Amino acid sequence: MDEATRIDRLEMRLTEQDATIEDLNRTVTEQWRVIDRLVRQLDLLREQVEEAAARAAPRGPEPPPPHY
């Protein structure tokens, strides 16, 4: 294998690796956006559940079912 062929192969490999890195970077960036959105939704749901539990708690004990 001569030097020019070797350099051509290395350049092609580098180009392919650059494209792969860009694809992976886009994928990771999109995943972080999704994760961030899901974390915000989870925080909102957690707040809503805590508020609902706080509103329900002061009512006292639950009465027994009618068949008792």
C-alpha atoms as a PDB file:
ATOM      1  CA  MET A   1       0.000   0.000   0.000  1.00  0.00           C
ATOM      2  CA  ASP A   2       1.525   3.293  -1.022  1.00  0.00           C
ATOM      3  CA  GLU A   3       1.535   6.452   1.089  1.00  0.00           C
ATOM      4  CA  ALA A   4      -1.211   8.249  -0.901  1.00  0.00           C
ATOM      5  CA  THR A   5      -3.614   5.325  -0.532  1.00  0.00           C
ATOM      6  CA  ARG A   6      -2.895   5.125   3.161  1.00  0.00           C
ATOM      7  CA  ILE A   7      -3.545   8.852   3.626  1.00  0.00           C
ATOM      8  CA  ASP A   8      -6.770   8.637   1.592  1.00  0.00           C
ATOM      9  CA  ARG A   9      -8.039   5.793   3.782  1.00  0.00           C
ATOM     10  CA  LEU A  10      -7.188   7.703   6.952  1.00  0.00           C
ATOM     11  CA  GLU A  11      -8.964  10.812   5.665  1.00  0.00           C
ATOM     12  CA  MET A  12     -12.079   8.801   4.787  1.00  0.00           C
ATOM     13  CA  ARG A  13     -12.027   7.167   8.204  1.00  0.00           C
ATOM     14  CA  LEU A  14     -11.668  10.545   9.911  1.00  0.00           C
ATOM     15  CA  THR A  15     -14.585  11.948   7.909  1.00  0.00           C
ATOM     16  CA  GLU A  16     -16.782   8.992   8.875  1.00  0.00           C
ATOM     17  CA  GLN A  17     -15.794   9.356  12.525  1.00  0.00           C
ATOM     18  CA  ASP A  18     -16.591  13.076  12.468  1.00  0.00           C
ATOM     19  CA  ALA A  19     -20.048  12.334  11.074  1.00  0.00           C
ATOM     20  CA  THR A  20     -20.615   9.665  13.720  1.00  0.00           C
ATOM     21  CA  ILE A  21     -19.552  12.037  16.488  1.00  0.00           C
ATOM     22  CA  GLU A  22     -21.949  14.706  15.195  1.00  0.00           C
ATOM     23  CA  ASP A  23     -24.816  12.177  15.085  1.00  0.00           C
ATOM     24  CA  LEU A  24     -24.065  11.042  18.631  1.00  0.00           C
ATOM     25  CA  ASN A  25     -23.854  14.625  19.817  1.00  0.00           C
ATOM     26  CA  ARG A  26     -27.275  15.424  18.329  1.00  0.00           C
ATOM     27  CA  THR A  27     -28.729  12.307  19.930  1.00  0.00           C
ATOM     28  CA  VAL A  28     -27.306  13.099  23.364  1.00  0.00           C
ATOM     29  CA  THR A  29     -28.463  16.720  23.133  1.00  0.00           C
ATOM     30  CA  GLU A  30     -31.999  15.637  22.264  1.00  0.00           C
ATOM     31  CA  GLN A  31     -32.005  13.086  25.083  1.00  0.00           C
ATOM     32  CA  TRP A  32     -30.988  15.785  27.573  1.00  0.00           C
ATOM     33  CA  ARG A  33     -33.850  17.973  26.364  1.00  0.00           C
ATOM     34  CA  VAL A  34     -36.286  15.107  26.896  1.00  0.00           C
ATOM     35  CA  ILE A  35     -34.821  14.276  30.315  1.00  0.00           C
ATOM     36  CA  ASP A  36     -35.027  17.922  31.360  1.00  0.00           C
ATOM     37  CA  ARG A  37     -38.675  18.137  30.271  1.00  0.00           C
ATOM     38  CA  LEU A  38     -39.526  14.894  32.098  1.00  0.00           C
ATOM     39  CA  VAL A  39     -37.816  16.075  35.285  1.00  0.00           C
ATOM     40  CA  ARG A  40     -39.845  19.301  35.194  1.00  0.00           C
ATOM     41  CA  GLN A  41     -43.063  17.319  34.667  1.00  0.00           C
ATOM     42  CA  LEU A  42     -42.173  14.979  37.533  1.00  0.00           C
ATOM     43  CA  ASP A  43     -41.497  17.935  39.835  1.00  0.00           C
ATOM     44  CA  LEU A  44     -44.865  19.448  38.920  1.00  0.00           C
ATOM     45  CA  LEU A  45     -46.676  16.160  39.549  1.00  0.00           C
ATOM     46  CA  ARG A  46     -44.874  15.727  42.870  1.00  0.00           C
ATOM     47  CA  GLU A  47     -46.006  19.201  43.944  1.00  0.00           C
ATOM     48  CA  GLN A  48     -49.584  18.449  42.904  1.00  0.00           C
ATOM     49  CA  VAL A  49     -49.618  15.173  44.855  1.00  0.00           C
ATOM     50  CA  GLU A  50     -48.148  16.862  47.938  1.00  0.00           C
ATOM     51  CA  GLU A  51     -50.748  19.639  47.741  1.00  0.00           C
ATOM     52  CA  ALA A  52     -53.570  17.121  47.340  1.00  0.00           C
ATOM     53  CA  ALA A  53     -52.266  15.106  50.288  1.00  0.00           C
ATOM     54  CA  ALA A  54     -51.997  18.240  52.422  1.00  0.00           C
ATOM     55  CA  ARG A  55     -55.598  19.176  51.599  1.00  0.00           C
ATOM     56  CA  ALA A  56     -56.880  15.673  52.356  1.00  0.00           C
ATOM     57  CA  ALA A  57     -54.957  15.154  55.599  1.00  0.00           C
ATOM     58  CA  PRO A  58     -56.793  17.604  57.919  1.00  0.00           C
ATOM     59  CA  ARG A  59     -60.151  15.870  57.452  1.00  0.00           C
ATOM     60  CA  GLY A  60     -59.353  13.342  60.147  1.00  0.00           C
ATOM     61  CA  PRO A  61     -59.620   9.580  60.010  1.00  0.00           C
ATOM     62  CA  GLU A  62     -61.590   7.930  57.288  1.00  0.00           C
ATOM     63  CA  PRO A  63     -64.998   6.664  58.465  1.00  0.00           C
ATOM     64  CA  PRO A  64     -65.517   2.920  58.408  1.00  0.00           C
ATOM     65  CA  PRO A  65     -67.237   1.436  55.393  1.00  0.00           C
ATOM     66  CA  PRO A  66     -71.040   1.067  55.614  1.00  0.00           C
ATOM     67  CA  HIS A  67     -71.009  -2.685  56.180  1.00  0.00           C
ATOM     68  CA  TYR A  68     -69.480  -2.291  59.689  1.00  0.00           C
END
